[in-house]
Amino acid sequence: MLIGRIGKGITIAILIITLTACSLFGGGEKKKEEAKKEAEAKSQESVIDQELKKQYQMFNEVIEYQKEQDAKLIKESEERYKKLKEESDKPTKGSSEEKQKAKEAKVGQEGSDDSGSDDNSGGADESSKSDNSEASEEE
């Protein structure tokens, strides 16, 4: 009986040692698993952070592109405005030059008509002009 009790005591001692060893070594595995989970969570956060950074950079690039396009549009509109302004200035200058040339030509013609003709011919021209204007009014 004594041997039976000693056997039971040894068995209980072995079980206690085994349970303590398992708790010591098994607890280490749990800590490792928890550390792995935390590392995964951190890596997931870093992945999210990286993705957010990429999207932020893309957003900034889009804004920069829009600014560049706006600047190009402004330059183009300024160039068009300058061209239109130049074109609008040119015809007025050209037309005033043409008017001046036409006036000079009329003065030159009248001067040549007056210098080579009599006073009667001037009156005849005026009467023929009035006849022409009356004829055109009747039509």
C-alpha atoms as a PDB file:
ATOM      1  CA  MET A   1       0.000   0.000   0.000  1.00  0.00           C
ATOM      2  CA  LEU A   2       2.816   2.187   0.667  1.00  0.00           C
ATOM      3  CA  ILE A   3       4.066   1.642  -2.800  1.00  0.00           C
ATOM      4  CA  GLY A   4       0.609   2.538  -4.143  1.00  0.00           C
ATOM      5  CA  ARG A   5       0.613   5.801  -2.194  1.00  0.00           C
ATOM      6  CA  ILE A   6       4.145   6.599  -3.300  1.00  0.00           C
ATOM      7  CA  GLY A   7       3.138   5.842  -6.879  1.00  0.00           C
ATOM      8  CA  LYS A   8       0.108   8.131  -6.586  1.00  0.00           C
ATOM      9  CA  GLY A   9       2.302  10.890  -5.045  1.00  0.00           C
ATOM     10  CA  ILE A  10       4.857  10.574  -7.811  1.00  0.00           C
ATOM     11  CA  THR A  11       2.102  10.674 -10.410  1.00  0.00           C
ATOM     12  CA  ILE A  12       0.624  13.815  -8.827  1.00  0.00           C
ATOM     13  CA  ALA A  13       4.081  15.422  -8.664  1.00  0.00           C
ATOM     14  CA  ILE A  14       4.687  14.621 -12.325  1.00  0.00           C
ATOM     15  CA  LEU A  15       1.320  16.118 -13.243  1.00  0.00           C
ATOM     16  CA  ILE A  16       2.076  19.286 -11.262  1.00  0.00           C
ATOM     17  CA  ILE A  17       5.486  19.638 -12.907  1.00  0.00           C
ATOM     18  CA  THR A  18       3.949  19.025 -16.324  1.00  0.00           C
ATOM     19  CA  LEU A  19       1.215  21.608 -15.770  1.00  0.00           C
ATOM     20  CA  THR A  20       3.735  24.195 -14.548  1.00  0.00           C
ATOM     21  CA  ALA A  21       5.995  23.546 -17.493  1.00  0.00           C
ATOM     22  CA  CYS A  22       3.047  23.824 -19.876  1.00  0.00           C
ATOM     23  CA  SER A  23       1.919  27.063 -18.309  1.00  0.00           C
ATOM     24  CA  LEU A  24       5.422  28.482 -18.527  1.00  0.00           C
ATOM     25  CA  PHE A  25       6.146  27.398 -22.076  1.00  0.00           C
ATOM     26  CA  GLY A  26       2.540  27.613 -23.281  1.00  0.00           C
ATOM     27  CA  GLY A  27       2.222  31.144 -21.952  1.00  0.00           C
ATOM     28  CA  GLY A  28       5.253  32.095 -24.028  1.00  0.00           C
ATOM     29  CA  GLU A  29       3.466  30.918 -27.150  1.00  0.00           C
ATOM     30  CA  LYS A  30       0.429  32.992 -26.284  1.00  0.00           C
ATOM     31  CA  LYS A  31       2.654  35.996 -25.845  1.00  0.00           C
ATOM     32  CA  LYS A  32       4.236  35.276 -29.191  1.00  0.00           C
ATOM     33  CA  GLU A  33       0.815  34.961 -30.797  1.00  0.00           C
ATOM     34  CA  GLU A  34      -0.307  38.217 -29.211  1.00  0.00           C
ATOM     35  CA  ALA A  35       2.893  39.902 -30.397  1.00  0.00           C
ATOM     36  CA  LYS A  36       2.251  38.561 -33.904  1.00  0.00           C
ATOM     37  CA  LYS A  37      -1.305  39.885 -33.828  1.00  0.00           C
ATOM     38  CA  GLU A  38      -0.079  43.286 -32.675  1.00  0.00           C
ATOM     39  CA  ALA A  39       2.587  43.312 -35.404  1.00  0.00           C
ATOM     40  CA  GLU A  40      -0.046  42.406 -37.993  1.00  0.00           C
ATOM     41  CA  ALA A  41      -2.287  45.161 -36.698  1.00  0.00           C
ATOM     42  CA  LYS A  42       0.592  47.625 -36.911  1.00  0.00           C
ATOM     43  CA  SER A  43       1.486  46.424 -40.391  1.00  0.00           C
ATOM     44  CA  GLN A  44      -2.150  46.759 -41.417  1.00  0.00           C
ATOM     45  CA  GLU A  45      -2.188  50.268 -40.028  1.00  0.00           C
ATOM     46  CA  SER A  46       0.987  51.029 -41.892  1.00  0.00           C
ATOM     47  CA  VAL A  47      -0.562  49.615 -45.068  1.00  0.00           C
ATOM     48  CA  ILE A  48      -3.569  51.864 -44.520  1.00  0.00           C
ATOM     49  CA  ASP A  49      -1.284  54.786 -43.790  1.00  0.00           C
ATOM     50  CA  GLN A  50       0.706  54.066 -46.940  1.00  0.00           C
ATOM     51  CA  GLU A  51      -2.457  53.898 -49.009  1.00  0.00           C
ATOM     52  CA  LEU A  52      -3.690  57.162 -47.525  1.00  0.00           C
ATOM     53  CA  LYS A  53      -0.342  58.788 -48.304  1.00  0.00           C
ATOM     54  CA  LYS A  54      -0.549  57.555 -51.898  1.00  0.00           C
ATOM     55  CA  GLN A  55      -4.060  58.927 -52.268  1.00  0.00           C
ATOM     56  CA  TYR A  56      -2.992  62.232 -50.724  1.00  0.00           C
ATOM     57  CA  GLN A  57      -0.101  62.467 -53.180  1.00  0.00           C
ATOM     58  CA  MET A  58      -2.442  61.674 -56.071  1.00  0.00           C
ATOM     59  CA  PHE A  59      -4.828  64.358 -54.837  1.00  0.00           C
ATOM     60  CA  ASN A  60      -1.993  66.887 -54.698  1.00  0.00           C
ATOM     61  CA  GLU A  61      -0.889  65.898 -58.217  1.00  0.00           C
ATOM     62  CA  VAL A  62      -4.432  66.400 -59.494  1.00  0.00           C
ATOM     63  CA  ILE A  63      -4.576  69.837 -57.882  1.00  0.00           C
ATOM     64  CA  GLU A  64      -1.194  70.773 -59.396  1.00  0.00           C
ATOM     65  CA  TYR A  65      -2.393  69.577 -62.820  1.00  0.00           C
ATOM     66  CA  GLN A  66      -5.545  71.675 -62.501  1.00  0.00           C
ATOM     67  CA  LYS A  67      -3.465  74.701 -61.549  1.00  0.00           C
ATOM     68  CA  GLU A  68      -1.232  74.169 -64.583  1.00  0.00           C
ATOM     69  CA  GLN A  69      -4.250  73.838 -66.858  1.00  0.00           C
ATOM     70  CA  ASP A  70      -5.778  77.003 -65.408  1.00  0.00           C
ATOM     71  CA  ALA A  71      -2.504  78.863 -65.954  1.00  0.00           C
ATOM     72  CA  LYS A  72      -2.346  77.644 -69.567  1.00  0.00           C
ATOM     73  CA  LEU A  73      -5.955  78.660 -70.105  1.00  0.00           C
ATOM     74  CA  ILE A  74      -5.291  82.118 -68.698  1.00  0.00           C
ATOM     75  CA  LYS A  75      -2.232  82.551 -70.938  1.00  0.00           C
ATOM     76  CA  GLU A  76      -4.185  81.424 -73.989  1.00  0.00           C
ATOM     77  CA  SER A  77      -7.058  83.760 -73.213  1.00  0.00           C
ATOM     78  CA  GLU A  78      -4.636  86.649 -72.710  1.00  0.00           C
ATOM     79  CA  GLU A  79      -2.995  85.870 -76.070  1.00  0.00           C
ATOM     80  CA  ARG A  80      -6.393  85.702 -77.767  1.00  0.00           C
ATOM     81  CA  TYR A  81      -7.373  88.985 -76.153  1.00  0.00           C
ATOM     82  CA  LYS A  82      -4.150  90.615 -77.374  1.00  0.00           C
ATOM     83  CA  LYS A  83      -4.680  89.253 -80.896  1.00  0.00           C
ATOM     84  CA  LEU A  84      -8.282  90.439 -80.972  1.00  0.00           C
ATOM     85  CA  LYS A  85      -7.252  93.824 -79.652  1.00  0.00           C
ATOM     86  CA  GLU A  86      -4.532  94.099 -82.298  1.00  0.00           C
ATOM     87  CA  GLU A  87      -6.978  93.047 -84.995  1.00  0.00           C
ATOM     88  CA  SER A  88      -9.558  95.537 -83.804  1.00  0.00           C
ATOM     89  CA  ASP A  89      -6.914  98.291 -83.748  1.00  0.00           C
ATOM     90  CA  LYS A  90      -5.568  97.476 -87.210  1.00  0.00           C
ATOM     91  CA  PRO A  91      -8.840  97.901 -89.144  1.00  0.00           C
ATOM     92  CA  THR A  92      -9.542 101.236 -87.480  1.00  0.00           C
ATOM     93  CA  LYS A  93      -6.078 102.458 -88.389  1.00  0.00           C
ATOM     94  CA  GLY A  94      -6.386 100.951 -91.848  1.00  0.00           C
ATOM     95  CA  SER A  95      -9.825 102.395 -92.389  1.00  0.00           C
ATOM     96  CA  SER A  96      -8.700 105.829 -91.233  1.00  0.00           C
ATOM     97  CA  GLU A  97      -5.741 105.573 -93.595  1.00  0.00           C
ATOM     98  CA  GLU A  98      -8.069 104.479 -96.369  1.00  0.00           C
ATOM     99  CA  LYS A  99     -10.380 107.387 -95.559  1.00  0.00           C
ATOM    100  CA  GLN A 100      -7.466 109.777 -95.668  1.00  0.00           C
ATOM    101  CA  LYS A 101      -6.312 108.349 -99.000  1.00  0.00           C
ATOM    102  CA  ALA A 102      -9.839 108.584-100.369  1.00  0.00           C
ATOM    103  CA  LYS A 103     -10.104 112.198 -99.202  1.00  0.00           C
ATOM    104  CA  GLU A 104      -6.752 113.017-100.773  1.00  0.00           C
ATOM    105  CA  ALA A 105      -7.853 111.359-103.988  1.00  0.00           C
ATOM    106  CA  LYS A 106     -11.111 113.344-103.990  1.00  0.00           C
ATOM    107  CA  VAL A 107      -9.267 116.542-103.237  1.00  0.00           C
ATOM    108  CA  GLY A 108      -6.814 115.718-106.010  1.00  0.00           C
ATOM    109  CA  GLN A 109      -9.649 115.049-108.459  1.00  0.00           C
ATOM    110  CA  GLU A 110     -11.552 118.144-107.457  1.00  0.00           C
ATOM    111  CA  GLY A 111      -8.382 120.184-107.644  1.00  0.00           C
ATOM    112  CA  SER A 112      -7.677 118.905-111.145  1.00  0.00           C
ATOM    113  CA  ASP A 113     -11.295 119.418-112.176  1.00  0.00           C
ATOM    114  CA  ASP A 114     -11.363 122.954-110.767  1.00  0.00           C
ATOM    115  CA  SER A 115      -8.062 123.980-112.258  1.00  0.00           C
ATOM    116  CA  GLY A 116      -8.830 122.840-115.803  1.00  0.00           C
ATOM    117  CA  SER A 117     -12.528 123.749-116.087  1.00  0.00           C
ATOM    118  CA  ASP A 118     -14.648 126.913-116.253  1.00  0.00           C
ATOM    119  CA  ASP A 119     -17.140 128.139-113.717  1.00  0.00           C
ATOM    120  CA  ASN A 120     -19.962 127.005-115.990  1.00  0.00           C
ATOM    121  CA  SER A 121     -18.729 123.439-116.044  1.00  0.00           C
ATOM    122  CA  GLY A 122     -18.836 123.335-112.247  1.00  0.00           C
ATOM    123  CA  GLY A 123     -22.454 124.407-112.368  1.00  0.00           C
ATOM    124  CA  ALA A 124     -23.194 121.834-115.005  1.00  0.00           C
ATOM    125  CA  ASP A 125     -21.740 119.123-112.811  1.00  0.00           C
ATOM    126  CA  GLU A 126     -23.954 120.181-109.942  1.00  0.00           C
ATOM    127  CA  SER A 127     -27.068 120.205-112.118  1.00  0.00           C
ATOM    128  CA  SER A 128     -26.263 116.796-113.535  1.00  0.00           C
ATOM    129  CA  LYS A 129     -25.762 115.471-109.994  1.00  0.00           C
ATOM    130  CA  SER A 130     -29.121 116.835-108.927  1.00  0.00           C
ATOM    131  CA  ASP A 131     -30.742 115.321-112.043  1.00  0.00           C
ATOM    132  CA  ASN A 132     -29.189 111.945-111.227  1.00  0.00           C
ATOM    133  CA  SER A 133     -30.399 112.063-107.636  1.00  0.00           C
ATOM    134  CA  GLU A 134     -33.942 112.956-108.763  1.00  0.00           C
ATOM    135  CA  ALA A 135     -33.913 110.134-111.301  1.00  0.00           C
ATOM    136  CA  SER A 136     -32.797 107.628-108.680  1.00  0.00           C
ATOM    137  CA  GLU A 137     -35.538 108.824-106.288  1.00  0.00           C
ATOM    138  CA  GLU A 138     -38.210 108.270-108.951  1.00  0.00           C
ATOM    139  CA  GLU A 139     -37.131 104.700-109.532  1.00  0.00           C
END
